Amino acid sequence: MSSALAAFVAPALPRLASSHPRLEVRVIEEESADCYKLLLCNEADLAVVLPTPHAPPVTDPRFDQQPLFDDPQDLLVARSHPLARREAVGLSEAASEKWIVKSHHNDTYPLLAAACAAAGFTPHVTHQVKEWYAVSAFVAQGLGVCLLPRLVPIPSKHAVVRLPLHGAPVPSRRFVTCTRRGSSGHPALLAALAALRETADSPTHE
């Protein structure tokens, strides 16, 4: 979720401080599953989460979940990979590849598994690491490929190529805002939600 913090939360905080200077905000970075728990325990009031097949559905009566931003995923390959010269690829073209993934406990793994299943294959996972920087480094060494969210920057020293995916549907991470049901009308939460939406709608994210 670090990419969400960098893309939405960090830029939203100055907006919020400018419009509501007396509002005190505390940010905690957690995986989405833990964010739902924090909301239910009243240890958090607002979360930006990635819904997964194992997360509470948008119809869960305990929460109010609203779409914030769709983040397409690209195929990341080594610069020496045969696909690297292509302008775009279909995900099924990577069916026989070795895959580098973030930990199975990470929010993005269920999204990868679902995207590959929709493309007709199960990814052959050879390495699991914790940070996108390490994922990119492994790909650069020709150890496999990965799906990289577009919000995640590529380290300039890594010899990799980001390839957009064609076909429908293109795998995407859908960020949503989540509050406890009935609490989103609170003035402080309304202000925070507005700041997040303004940030998500800014031209830098189009």
N, C-alpha and C. Protein backbone atom coordinates (compact mmCIF):
# COMPACT_ATOMS: atom_id res chain seq x y z
N MET A 1 0.81 -1.21 0.00
CA MET A 1 0.00 0.00 0.00
C MET A 1 0.85 1.27 0.00
N SER A 2 2.18 1.12 -0.02
CA SER A 2 3.03 2.30 -0.02
C SER A 2 2.76 3.20 -1.22
N SER A 3 2.43 2.59 -2.37
CA SER A 3 2.15 3.40 -3.56
C SER A 3 0.91 4.25 -3.37
N ALA A 4 -0.09 3.74 -2.64
CA ALA A 4 -1.29 4.53 -2.36
C ALA A 4 -0.97 5.68 -1.42
N LEU A 5 -0.12 5.41 -0.44
CA LEU A 5 0.29 6.48 0.47
C LEU A 5 0.98 7.60 -0.30
N ALA A 6 1.89 7.21 -1.20
CA ALA A 6 2.64 8.20 -1.96
C ALA A 6 1.76 8.94 -2.96
N ALA A 7 0.83 8.22 -3.60
CA ALA A 7 0.03 8.81 -4.67
C ALA A 7 -1.15 9.63 -4.18
N PHE A 8 -1.79 9.19 -3.10
CA PHE A 8 -3.03 9.83 -2.66
C PHE A 8 -2.94 10.47 -1.28
N VAL A 9 -2.47 9.69 -0.32
CA VAL A 9 -2.53 10.16 1.06
C VAL A 9 -1.57 11.32 1.31
N ALA A 10 -0.31 11.16 0.92
CA ALA A 10 0.66 12.22 1.18
C ALA A 10 0.25 13.55 0.53
N PRO A 11 -0.15 13.58 -0.76
CA PRO A 11 -0.57 14.85 -1.35
C PRO A 11 -1.86 15.39 -0.77
N ALA A 12 -2.72 14.51 -0.23
CA ALA A 12 -3.99 14.97 0.33
C ALA A 12 -3.80 15.66 1.67
N LEU A 13 -2.75 15.31 2.40
CA LEU A 13 -2.57 15.87 3.74
C LEU A 13 -2.37 17.38 3.74
N PRO A 14 -1.52 17.95 2.85
CA PRO A 14 -1.42 19.41 2.82
C PRO A 14 -2.73 20.10 2.43
N ARG A 15 -3.49 19.50 1.52
CA ARG A 15 -4.81 20.05 1.17
C ARG A 15 -5.70 20.11 2.40
N LEU A 16 -5.68 19.02 3.15
CA LEU A 16 -6.52 18.93 4.34
C LEU A 16 -6.06 19.91 5.40
N ALA A 17 -4.76 20.04 5.57
CA ALA A 17 -4.22 20.97 6.57
C ALA A 17 -4.54 22.41 6.21
N SER A 18 -4.56 22.70 4.90
CA SER A 18 -4.86 24.06 4.46
C SER A 18 -6.32 24.43 4.70
N SER A 19 -7.22 23.48 4.43
CA SER A 19 -8.65 23.77 4.57
C SER A 19 -9.16 23.57 6.00
N HIS A 20 -8.48 22.72 6.77
CA HIS A 20 -8.91 22.42 8.14
C HIS A 20 -7.68 22.39 9.05
N PRO A 21 -7.10 23.56 9.32
CA PRO A 21 -5.82 23.61 10.06
C PRO A 21 -5.89 23.04 11.47
N ARG A 22 -7.06 22.95 12.07
CA ARG A 22 -7.17 22.43 13.43
C ARG A 22 -7.40 20.92 13.47
N LEU A 23 -7.57 20.32 12.31
CA LEU A 23 -7.83 18.89 12.26
C LEU A 23 -6.53 18.11 12.42
N GLU A 24 -6.48 17.24 13.40
CA GLU A 24 -5.29 16.42 13.64
C GLU A 24 -5.45 15.08 12.92
N VAL A 25 -4.45 14.74 12.12
CA VAL A 25 -4.50 13.52 11.31
C VAL A 25 -3.31 12.63 11.67
N ARG A 26 -3.57 11.35 11.85
CA ARG A 26 -2.51 10.37 12.10
C ARG A 26 -2.65 9.25 11.07
N VAL A 27 -1.56 8.94 10.38
CA VAL A 27 -1.57 7.94 9.33
C VAL A 27 -0.86 6.68 9.81
N ILE A 28 -1.47 5.53 9.52
CA ILE A 28 -0.89 4.23 9.82
C ILE A 28 -0.91 3.41 8.54
N GLU A 29 0.24 2.86 8.15
CA GLU A 29 0.28 2.01 6.95
C GLU A 29 0.11 0.55 7.36
N GLU A 30 -0.91 -0.09 6.80
CA GLU A 30 -1.18 -1.50 7.06
C GLU A 30 -1.71 -2.15 5.78
N GLU A 31 -1.68 -3.47 5.72
CA GLU A 31 -2.33 -4.18 4.63
C GLU A 31 -3.85 -3.99 4.76
N SER A 32 -4.55 -4.16 3.65
CA SER A 32 -5.99 -3.88 3.64
C SER A 32 -6.75 -4.69 4.69
N ALA A 33 -6.41 -5.97 4.85
CA ALA A 33 -7.12 -6.81 5.82
C ALA A 33 -7.05 -6.22 7.22
N ASP A 34 -5.88 -5.65 7.55
CA ASP A 34 -5.72 -5.05 8.87
C ASP A 34 -6.45 -3.71 8.96
N CYS A 35 -6.60 -3.01 7.84
CA CYS A 35 -7.33 -1.74 7.85
C CYS A 35 -8.79 -1.95 8.23
N TYR A 36 -9.39 -2.99 7.69
CA TYR A 36 -10.79 -3.29 8.06
C TYR A 36 -10.90 -3.55 9.56
N LYS A 37 -9.93 -4.28 10.10
CA LYS A 37 -9.95 -4.59 11.53
C LYS A 37 -9.81 -3.32 12.37
N LEU A 38 -8.92 -2.41 11.93
CA LEU A 38 -8.73 -1.16 12.66
C LEU A 38 -10.00 -0.32 12.67
N LEU A 39 -10.72 -0.32 11.55
CA LEU A 39 -11.98 0.41 11.49
C LEU A 39 -12.99 -0.18 12.47
N LEU A 40 -13.09 -1.49 12.50
CA LEU A 40 -14.07 -2.14 13.38
C LEU A 40 -13.73 -1.96 14.85
N CYS A 41 -12.44 -1.81 15.15
CA CYS A 41 -12.01 -1.61 16.54
C CYS A 41 -11.98 -0.14 16.93
N ASN A 42 -12.45 0.73 16.04
CA ASN A 42 -12.44 2.18 16.28
C ASN A 42 -11.03 2.72 16.49
N GLU A 43 -10.04 2.04 15.91
CA GLU A 43 -8.67 2.53 15.98
C GLU A 43 -8.29 3.32 14.73
N ALA A 44 -9.20 3.36 13.77
CA ALA A 44 -9.05 4.18 12.57
C ALA A 44 -10.44 4.61 12.13
N ASP A 45 -10.51 5.74 11.45
CA ASP A 45 -11.80 6.26 10.99
C ASP A 45 -11.97 6.19 9.48
N LEU A 46 -10.86 6.14 8.76
CA LEU A 46 -10.90 6.14 7.30
C LEU A 46 -9.73 5.31 6.80
N ALA A 47 -9.98 4.51 5.79
CA ALA A 47 -8.92 3.69 5.20
C ALA A 47 -8.99 3.76 3.68
N VAL A 48 -7.83 3.66 3.04
CA VAL A 48 -7.74 3.45 1.60
C VAL A 48 -7.30 2.01 1.43
N VAL A 49 -8.13 1.19 0.80
CA VAL A 49 -7.88 -0.25 0.76
C VAL A 49 -7.97 -0.77 -0.67
N LEU A 50 -7.43 -1.97 -0.84
CA LEU A 50 -7.54 -2.71 -2.10
C LEU A 50 -8.47 -3.89 -1.88
N PRO A 51 -9.68 -3.87 -2.40
CA PRO A 51 -10.55 -5.03 -2.25
C PRO A 51 -9.95 -6.25 -2.95
N THR A 52 -10.02 -7.38 -2.30
CA THR A 52 -9.57 -8.65 -2.86
C THR A 52 -10.69 -9.67 -2.68
N PRO A 53 -10.56 -10.84 -3.30
CA PRO A 53 -11.62 -11.85 -3.12
C PRO A 53 -11.86 -12.24 -1.67
N HIS A 54 -10.87 -11.99 -0.81
CA HIS A 54 -11.01 -12.37 0.60
C HIS A 54 -11.39 -11.20 1.50
N ALA A 55 -11.55 -10.01 0.92
CA ALA A 55 -11.90 -8.83 1.71
C ALA A 55 -13.41 -8.72 1.88
N PRO A 56 -13.86 -7.95 2.87
CA PRO A 56 -15.31 -7.72 3.00
C PRO A 56 -15.86 -7.13 1.70
N PRO A 57 -16.95 -7.65 1.16
CA PRO A 57 -17.50 -7.13 -0.10
C PRO A 57 -18.03 -5.71 0.09
N VAL A 58 -18.22 -5.01 -1.03
CA VAL A 58 -18.70 -3.63 -0.95
C VAL A 58 -20.10 -3.57 -0.35
N THR A 59 -20.80 -4.69 -0.35
CA THR A 59 -22.15 -4.73 0.24
C THR A 59 -22.13 -5.03 1.73
N ASP A 60 -20.96 -5.21 2.31
CA ASP A 60 -20.87 -5.51 3.75
C ASP A 60 -21.51 -4.38 4.53
N PRO A 61 -22.53 -4.66 5.34
CA PRO A 61 -23.27 -3.60 6.04
C PRO A 61 -22.46 -2.87 7.10
N ARG A 62 -21.29 -3.38 7.44
CA ARG A 62 -20.47 -2.73 8.46
C ARG A 62 -19.69 -1.54 7.92
N PHE A 63 -19.56 -1.47 6.59
CA PHE A 63 -18.69 -0.46 6.00
C PHE A 63 -19.40 0.31 4.89
N ASP A 64 -18.85 1.50 4.62
CA ASP A 64 -19.23 2.28 3.45
C ASP A 64 -17.98 2.36 2.58
N GLN A 65 -17.99 1.67 1.44
CA GLN A 65 -16.83 1.63 0.56
C GLN A 65 -17.16 2.32 -0.76
N GLN A 66 -16.30 3.27 -1.15
CA GLN A 66 -16.52 4.04 -2.37
C GLN A 66 -15.28 4.01 -3.25
N PRO A 67 -15.46 3.84 -4.59
CA PRO A 67 -14.30 3.81 -5.49
C PRO A 67 -13.51 5.11 -5.42
N LEU A 68 -12.18 4.98 -5.46
CA LEU A 68 -11.31 6.14 -5.44
C LEU A 68 -10.51 6.25 -6.74
N PHE A 69 -9.85 5.16 -7.14
CA PHE A 69 -8.96 5.24 -8.31
C PHE A 69 -8.67 3.84 -8.81
N ASP A 70 -8.65 3.66 -10.14
CA ASP A 70 -8.26 2.40 -10.75
C ASP A 70 -6.82 2.52 -11.25
N ASP A 71 -5.97 1.61 -10.81
CA ASP A 71 -4.55 1.63 -11.15
C ASP A 71 -4.22 0.43 -12.04
N PRO A 72 -4.11 0.63 -13.36
CA PRO A 72 -3.81 -0.49 -14.25
C PRO A 72 -2.46 -1.12 -13.92
N GLN A 73 -2.34 -2.41 -14.21
CA GLN A 73 -1.08 -3.11 -14.01
C GLN A 73 -0.44 -3.42 -15.36
N ASP A 74 0.88 -3.32 -15.39
CA ASP A 74 1.64 -3.60 -16.60
C ASP A 74 2.50 -4.84 -16.38
N LEU A 75 2.92 -5.45 -17.47
CA LEU A 75 3.86 -6.57 -17.38
C LEU A 75 5.27 -6.02 -17.38
N LEU A 76 6.04 -6.39 -16.38
CA LEU A 76 7.43 -5.94 -16.27
C LEU A 76 8.34 -7.09 -16.69
N VAL A 77 9.20 -6.82 -17.68
CA VAL A 77 10.13 -7.84 -18.17
C VAL A 77 11.54 -7.25 -18.21
N ALA A 78 12.52 -8.12 -18.24
CA ALA A 78 13.90 -7.66 -18.39
C ALA A 78 14.09 -7.04 -19.77
N ARG A 79 15.00 -6.10 -19.86
CA ARG A 79 15.25 -5.43 -21.14
C ARG A 79 15.69 -6.42 -22.22
N SER A 80 16.28 -7.54 -21.80
CA SER A 80 16.75 -8.55 -22.75
C SER A 80 15.68 -9.58 -23.10
N HIS A 81 14.50 -9.45 -22.53
CA HIS A 81 13.42 -10.43 -22.75
C HIS A 81 12.87 -10.30 -24.18
N PRO A 82 12.48 -11.41 -24.81
CA PRO A 82 11.93 -11.34 -26.18
C PRO A 82 10.72 -10.43 -26.32
N LEU A 83 9.94 -10.25 -25.26
CA LEU A 83 8.76 -9.39 -25.35
C LEU A 83 9.09 -7.90 -25.19
N ALA A 84 10.32 -7.59 -24.81
CA ALA A 84 10.65 -6.22 -24.43
C ALA A 84 10.50 -5.21 -25.56
N ARG A 85 10.55 -5.68 -26.81
CA ARG A 85 10.44 -4.76 -27.95
C ARG A 85 9.00 -4.50 -28.36
N ARG A 86 8.08 -5.18 -27.73
CA ARG A 86 6.66 -5.00 -28.06
C ARG A 86 6.12 -3.73 -27.43
N GLU A 87 5.09 -3.16 -28.06
CA GLU A 87 4.44 -1.98 -27.49
C GLU A 87 3.41 -2.36 -26.43
N ALA A 88 2.81 -3.52 -26.58
CA ALA A 88 1.83 -4.03 -25.62
C ALA A 88 1.74 -5.54 -25.80
N VAL A 89 1.26 -6.23 -24.78
CA VAL A 89 1.15 -7.69 -24.84
C VAL A 89 -0.15 -8.13 -24.19
N GLY A 90 -0.55 -9.36 -24.48
CA GLY A 90 -1.66 -9.97 -23.77
C GLY A 90 -1.11 -10.76 -22.59
N LEU A 91 -1.82 -10.77 -21.50
CA LEU A 91 -1.33 -11.45 -20.31
C LEU A 91 -1.09 -12.94 -20.58
N SER A 92 -1.91 -13.54 -21.43
CA SER A 92 -1.76 -14.96 -21.73
C SER A 92 -0.42 -15.28 -22.37
N GLU A 93 0.23 -14.28 -22.98
CA GLU A 93 1.53 -14.50 -23.59
C GLU A 93 2.61 -14.77 -22.55
N ALA A 94 2.32 -14.47 -21.29
CA ALA A 94 3.28 -14.70 -20.21
C ALA A 94 2.96 -15.97 -19.42
N ALA A 95 2.09 -16.81 -19.97
CA ALA A 95 1.63 -17.99 -19.24
C ALA A 95 2.77 -18.94 -18.90
N SER A 96 3.77 -19.04 -19.75
CA SER A 96 4.87 -19.99 -19.52
C SER A 96 6.04 -19.37 -18.77
N GLU A 97 5.91 -18.12 -18.37
CA GLU A 97 7.01 -17.43 -17.70
C GLU A 97 7.11 -17.82 -16.22
N LYS A 98 8.30 -17.61 -15.67
CA LYS A 98 8.47 -17.66 -14.22
C LYS A 98 8.04 -16.30 -13.66
N TRP A 99 7.42 -16.31 -12.48
CA TRP A 99 6.85 -15.08 -11.93
C TRP A 99 7.52 -14.70 -10.62
N ILE A 100 7.79 -13.41 -10.51
CA ILE A 100 8.29 -12.82 -9.27
C ILE A 100 7.11 -12.09 -8.65
N VAL A 101 6.82 -12.36 -7.39
CA VAL A 101 5.65 -11.74 -6.76
C VAL A 101 6.02 -11.19 -5.39
N LYS A 102 5.18 -10.30 -4.94
CA LYS A 102 5.27 -9.91 -3.54
C LYS A 102 4.65 -11.03 -2.70
N SER A 103 4.92 -11.01 -1.42
CA SER A 103 4.47 -12.07 -0.52
C SER A 103 3.01 -12.43 -0.73
N HIS A 104 2.67 -13.70 -0.57
CA HIS A 104 1.28 -14.15 -0.70
C HIS A 104 0.36 -13.42 0.28
N HIS A 105 0.94 -12.85 1.35
CA HIS A 105 0.13 -12.15 2.33
C HIS A 105 -0.11 -10.69 1.92
N ASN A 106 0.48 -10.28 0.81
CA ASN A 106 0.33 -8.91 0.34
C ASN A 106 -0.99 -8.75 -0.42
N ASP A 107 -1.52 -7.52 -0.40
CA ASP A 107 -2.80 -7.23 -1.06
C ASP A 107 -2.80 -7.58 -2.55
N THR A 108 -1.65 -7.46 -3.21
CA THR A 108 -1.64 -7.58 -4.67
C THR A 108 -1.60 -9.02 -5.16
N TYR A 109 -1.23 -9.98 -4.32
CA TYR A 109 -1.14 -11.36 -4.80
C TYR A 109 -2.49 -11.92 -5.25
N PRO A 110 -3.58 -11.74 -4.48
CA PRO A 110 -4.87 -12.25 -4.97
C PRO A 110 -5.28 -11.62 -6.30
N LEU A 111 -4.88 -10.36 -6.53
CA LEU A 111 -5.21 -9.71 -7.80
C LEU A 111 -4.45 -10.36 -8.95
N LEU A 112 -3.17 -10.69 -8.71
CA LEU A 112 -2.38 -11.38 -9.72
C LEU A 112 -2.98 -12.74 -10.04
N ALA A 113 -3.31 -13.49 -9.00
CA ALA A 113 -3.87 -14.83 -9.20
C ALA A 113 -5.17 -14.77 -9.99
N ALA A 114 -6.02 -13.79 -9.67
CA ALA A 114 -7.30 -13.65 -10.38
C ALA A 114 -7.09 -13.25 -11.83
N ALA A 115 -6.14 -12.32 -12.08
CA ALA A 115 -5.88 -11.87 -13.45
C ALA A 115 -5.35 -13.02 -14.30
N CYS A 116 -4.44 -13.80 -13.75
CA CYS A 116 -3.89 -14.93 -14.50
C CYS A 116 -4.95 -15.99 -14.75
N ALA A 117 -5.80 -16.24 -13.76
CA ALA A 117 -6.88 -17.21 -13.94
C ALA A 117 -7.81 -16.77 -15.07
N ALA A 118 -8.11 -15.46 -15.13
CA ALA A 118 -8.97 -14.94 -16.20
C ALA A 118 -8.32 -15.09 -17.56
N ALA A 119 -6.97 -15.08 -17.57
CA ALA A 119 -6.23 -15.24 -18.83
C ALA A 119 -5.99 -16.71 -19.15
N GLY A 120 -6.44 -17.61 -18.28
CA GLY A 120 -6.38 -19.03 -18.59
C GLY A 120 -5.18 -19.79 -18.06
N PHE A 121 -4.48 -19.24 -17.06
CA PHE A 121 -3.32 -19.97 -16.54
C PHE A 121 -3.09 -19.65 -15.06
N THR A 122 -2.30 -20.49 -14.44
CA THR A 122 -1.86 -20.28 -13.06
C THR A 122 -0.39 -19.88 -13.09
N PRO A 123 -0.01 -18.76 -12.48
CA PRO A 123 1.38 -18.31 -12.56
C PRO A 123 2.33 -19.27 -11.84
N HIS A 124 3.46 -19.56 -12.49
CA HIS A 124 4.51 -20.38 -11.88
C HIS A 124 5.42 -19.44 -11.07
N VAL A 125 5.13 -19.34 -9.79
CA VAL A 125 5.84 -18.40 -8.92
C VAL A 125 7.16 -19.03 -8.46
N THR A 126 8.26 -18.34 -8.74
CA THR A 126 9.57 -18.84 -8.35
C THR A 126 10.20 -18.07 -7.20
N HIS A 127 9.83 -16.80 -7.05
CA HIS A 127 10.41 -15.98 -5.98
C HIS A 127 9.33 -15.09 -5.38
N GLN A 128 9.39 -14.92 -4.06
CA GLN A 128 8.49 -14.02 -3.34
C GLN A 128 9.34 -13.05 -2.53
N VAL A 129 9.12 -11.77 -2.71
CA VAL A 129 9.85 -10.76 -1.96
C VAL A 129 8.87 -9.75 -1.38
N LYS A 130 9.36 -8.85 -0.55
CA LYS A 130 8.46 -7.96 0.18
C LYS A 130 8.27 -6.59 -0.46
N GLU A 131 9.25 -6.13 -1.25
CA GLU A 131 9.18 -4.76 -1.76
C GLU A 131 9.22 -4.76 -3.29
N TRP A 132 8.54 -3.77 -3.88
CA TRP A 132 8.53 -3.65 -5.33
C TRP A 132 9.93 -3.41 -5.88
N TYR A 133 10.78 -2.72 -5.14
CA TYR A 133 12.16 -2.48 -5.59
C TYR A 133 12.86 -3.81 -5.82
N ALA A 134 12.66 -4.76 -4.90
CA ALA A 134 13.29 -6.07 -5.04
C ALA A 134 12.66 -6.86 -6.19
N VAL A 135 11.35 -6.75 -6.35
CA VAL A 135 10.69 -7.40 -7.49
C VAL A 135 11.32 -6.93 -8.80
N SER A 136 11.46 -5.62 -8.94
CA SER A 136 12.04 -5.05 -10.16
C SER A 136 13.48 -5.52 -10.36
N ALA A 137 14.24 -5.61 -9.27
CA ALA A 137 15.63 -6.05 -9.36
C ALA A 137 15.72 -7.50 -9.84
N PHE A 138 14.83 -8.36 -9.34
CA PHE A 138 14.82 -9.75 -9.77
C PHE A 138 14.45 -9.85 -11.25
N VAL A 139 13.47 -9.06 -11.67
CA VAL A 139 13.07 -9.07 -13.08
C VAL A 139 14.24 -8.60 -13.95
N ALA A 140 14.94 -7.57 -13.52
CA ALA A 140 16.06 -7.02 -14.28
C ALA A 140 17.15 -8.06 -14.51
N GLN A 141 17.28 -9.00 -13.58
CA GLN A 141 18.29 -10.05 -13.71
C GLN A 141 17.80 -11.24 -14.55
N GLY A 142 16.61 -11.13 -15.11
CA GLY A 142 16.09 -12.20 -15.96
C GLY A 142 15.57 -13.39 -15.20
N LEU A 143 15.20 -13.18 -13.93
CA LEU A 143 14.75 -14.29 -13.09
C LEU A 143 13.25 -14.55 -13.22
N GLY A 144 12.56 -13.72 -13.96
CA GLY A 144 11.12 -13.88 -14.13
C GLY A 144 10.48 -12.58 -14.54
N VAL A 145 9.15 -12.57 -14.57
CA VAL A 145 8.38 -11.37 -14.91
C VAL A 145 7.44 -11.06 -13.76
N CYS A 146 6.79 -9.92 -13.82
CA CYS A 146 5.82 -9.60 -12.78
C CYS A 146 4.77 -8.65 -13.34
N LEU A 147 3.66 -8.54 -12.63
CA LEU A 147 2.68 -7.48 -12.88
C LEU A 147 3.02 -6.33 -11.96
N LEU A 148 3.24 -5.16 -12.55
CA LEU A 148 3.63 -3.99 -11.77
C LEU A 148 2.55 -2.92 -11.87
N PRO A 149 1.97 -2.50 -10.75
CA PRO A 149 0.99 -1.41 -10.78
C PRO A 149 1.60 -0.14 -11.38
N ARG A 150 0.83 0.58 -12.15
CA ARG A 150 1.35 1.75 -12.84
C ARG A 150 1.77 2.86 -11.88
N LEU A 151 1.19 2.89 -10.70
CA LEU A 151 1.59 3.90 -9.72
C LEU A 151 2.96 3.64 -9.13
N VAL A 152 3.47 2.42 -9.28
CA VAL A 152 4.76 2.06 -8.69
C VAL A 152 5.87 2.47 -9.66
N PRO A 153 6.80 3.34 -9.23
CA PRO A 153 7.87 3.77 -10.13
C PRO A 153 8.90 2.67 -10.34
N ILE A 154 9.55 2.70 -11.50
CA ILE A 154 10.63 1.76 -11.80
C ILE A 154 11.96 2.43 -11.46
N PRO A 155 12.81 1.78 -10.67
CA PRO A 155 14.14 2.34 -10.40
C PRO A 155 14.91 2.52 -11.71
N SER A 156 15.50 3.68 -11.91
CA SER A 156 16.14 4.00 -13.19
C SER A 156 17.31 3.08 -13.51
N LYS A 157 17.95 2.52 -12.50
CA LYS A 157 19.13 1.69 -12.76
C LYS A 157 18.76 0.24 -13.10
N HIS A 158 17.49 -0.12 -13.03
CA HIS A 158 17.07 -1.47 -13.36
C HIS A 158 16.81 -1.60 -14.85
N ALA A 159 17.41 -2.60 -15.48
CA ALA A 159 17.26 -2.82 -16.92
C ALA A 159 15.98 -3.60 -17.19
N VAL A 160 14.85 -2.89 -17.10
CA VAL A 160 13.54 -3.51 -17.26
C VAL A 160 12.70 -2.68 -18.22
N VAL A 161 11.64 -3.31 -18.74
CA VAL A 161 10.70 -2.63 -19.63
C VAL A 161 9.29 -2.87 -19.11
N ARG A 162 8.52 -1.80 -19.04
CA ARG A 162 7.12 -1.87 -18.60
C ARG A 162 6.24 -1.96 -19.85
N LEU A 163 5.47 -3.05 -19.95
CA LEU A 163 4.63 -3.27 -21.13
C LEU A 163 3.15 -3.18 -20.76
N PRO A 164 2.41 -2.25 -21.37
CA PRO A 164 0.96 -2.22 -21.14
C PRO A 164 0.32 -3.52 -21.62
N LEU A 165 -0.74 -3.91 -20.96
CA LEU A 165 -1.48 -5.12 -21.32
C LEU A 165 -2.70 -4.76 -22.15
N HIS A 166 -2.96 -5.52 -23.20
CA HIS A 166 -4.18 -5.30 -23.99
C HIS A 166 -5.14 -6.46 -23.76
N GLY A 167 -6.35 -6.28 -24.24
CA GLY A 167 -7.38 -7.27 -23.99
C GLY A 167 -8.25 -6.85 -22.83
N ALA A 168 -9.37 -7.50 -22.66
CA ALA A 168 -10.29 -7.13 -21.59
C ALA A 168 -10.54 -8.34 -20.69
N PRO A 169 -10.60 -8.06 -19.39
CA PRO A 169 -10.28 -6.77 -18.77
C PRO A 169 -8.79 -6.64 -18.50
N VAL A 170 -8.28 -5.41 -18.55
CA VAL A 170 -6.89 -5.16 -18.16
C VAL A 170 -6.81 -5.25 -16.64
N PRO A 171 -5.89 -6.04 -16.09
CA PRO A 171 -5.79 -6.14 -14.63
C PRO A 171 -5.55 -4.77 -14.00
N SER A 172 -6.31 -4.45 -12.99
CA SER A 172 -6.18 -3.16 -12.31
C SER A 172 -6.34 -3.35 -10.81
N ARG A 173 -5.69 -2.48 -10.08
CA ARG A 173 -5.95 -2.38 -8.64
C ARG A 173 -7.00 -1.29 -8.46
N ARG A 174 -8.09 -1.61 -7.83
CA ARG A 174 -9.12 -0.61 -7.57
C ARG A 174 -9.02 -0.17 -6.11
N PHE A 175 -8.51 1.04 -5.92
CA PHE A 175 -8.46 1.60 -4.57
C PHE A 175 -9.84 2.12 -4.19
N VAL A 176 -10.26 1.85 -2.99
CA VAL A 176 -11.52 2.38 -2.49
C VAL A 176 -11.29 3.01 -1.13
N THR A 177 -12.13 3.99 -0.80
CA THR A 177 -12.13 4.53 0.55
C THR A 177 -13.11 3.71 1.38
N CYS A 178 -12.79 3.53 2.63
CA CYS A 178 -13.63 2.71 3.49
C CYS A 178 -13.79 3.38 4.85
N THR A 179 -15.02 3.53 5.28
CA THR A 179 -15.33 4.06 6.61
C THR A 179 -16.34 3.12 7.26
N ARG A 180 -16.50 3.28 8.56
CA ARG A 180 -17.57 2.53 9.23
C ARG A 180 -18.91 3.04 8.75
N ARG A 181 -19.84 2.15 8.52
CA ARG A 181 -21.17 2.52 8.05
C ARG A 181 -21.79 3.57 8.97
N GLY A 182 -22.26 4.66 8.38
CA GLY A 182 -22.92 5.71 9.14
C GLY A 182 -22.01 6.80 9.64
N SER A 183 -20.68 6.65 9.45
CA SER A 183 -19.76 7.65 9.99
C SER A 183 -19.27 8.64 8.95
N SER A 184 -19.49 8.36 7.66
CA SER A 184 -18.88 9.18 6.61
C SER A 184 -19.45 10.58 6.52
N GLY A 185 -20.56 10.84 7.21
CA GLY A 185 -21.12 12.18 7.21
C GLY A 185 -20.49 13.11 8.23
N HIS A 186 -19.58 12.59 9.04
CA HIS A 186 -18.90 13.44 10.02
C HIS A 186 -18.07 14.49 9.28
N PRO A 187 -18.10 15.76 9.74
CA PRO A 187 -17.40 16.82 9.01
C PRO A 187 -15.92 16.53 8.75
N ALA A 188 -15.24 15.96 9.74
CA ALA A 188 -13.81 15.66 9.55
C ALA A 188 -13.60 14.61 8.47
N LEU A 189 -14.46 13.60 8.46
CA LEU A 189 -14.34 12.56 7.44
C LEU A 189 -14.73 13.08 6.07
N LEU A 190 -15.75 13.93 6.01
CA LEU A 190 -16.13 14.53 4.73
C LEU A 190 -14.96 15.32 4.14
N ALA A 191 -14.26 16.06 5.00
CA ALA A 191 -13.12 16.85 4.54
C ALA A 191 -11.98 15.94 4.05
N ALA A 192 -11.71 14.88 4.80
CA ALA A 192 -10.64 13.97 4.41
C ALA A 192 -10.98 13.24 3.11
N LEU A 193 -12.21 12.80 2.98
CA LEU A 193 -12.63 12.13 1.74
C LEU A 193 -12.54 13.07 0.54
N ALA A 194 -12.93 14.32 0.74
CA ALA A 194 -12.86 15.30 -0.35
C ALA A 194 -11.41 15.53 -0.78
N ALA A 195 -10.50 15.61 0.19
CA ALA A 195 -9.08 15.82 -0.12
C ALA A 195 -8.52 14.63 -0.90
N LEU A 196 -8.90 13.42 -0.51
CA LEU A 196 -8.44 12.23 -1.23
C LEU A 196 -8.98 12.21 -2.66
N ARG A 197 -10.26 12.56 -2.83
CA ARG A 197 -10.84 12.53 -4.17
C ARG A 197 -10.23 13.60 -5.07
N GLU A 198 -9.97 14.78 -4.51
CA GLU A 198 -9.33 15.84 -5.29
C GLU A 198 -7.95 15.40 -5.76
N THR A 199 -7.22 14.71 -4.88
CA THR A 199 -5.90 14.22 -5.24
C THR A 199 -6.00 13.14 -6.32
N ALA A 200 -6.93 12.21 -6.15
CA ALA A 200 -7.09 11.12 -7.12
C ALA A 200 -7.53 11.64 -8.48
N ASP A 201 -8.30 12.74 -8.50
CA ASP A 201 -8.82 13.30 -9.75
C ASP A 201 -7.86 14.28 -10.40
N SER A 202 -6.72 14.56 -9.77
CA SER A 202 -5.79 15.54 -10.31
C SER A 202 -5.16 15.02 -11.60
N PRO A 203 -4.71 15.90 -12.50
CA PRO A 203 -4.17 15.48 -13.79
C PRO A 203 -3.00 14.51 -13.69
N THR A 204 -2.24 14.55 -12.60
CA THR A 204 -1.07 13.68 -12.47
C THR A 204 -1.46 12.22 -12.39
N HIS A 205 -2.77 11.93 -12.12
CA HIS A 205 -3.20 10.55 -12.01
C HIS A 205 -4.05 10.10 -13.19
N GLU A 206 -4.16 10.92 -14.19
CA GLU A 206 -4.97 10.56 -15.36
C GLU A 206 -4.15 9.75 -16.36
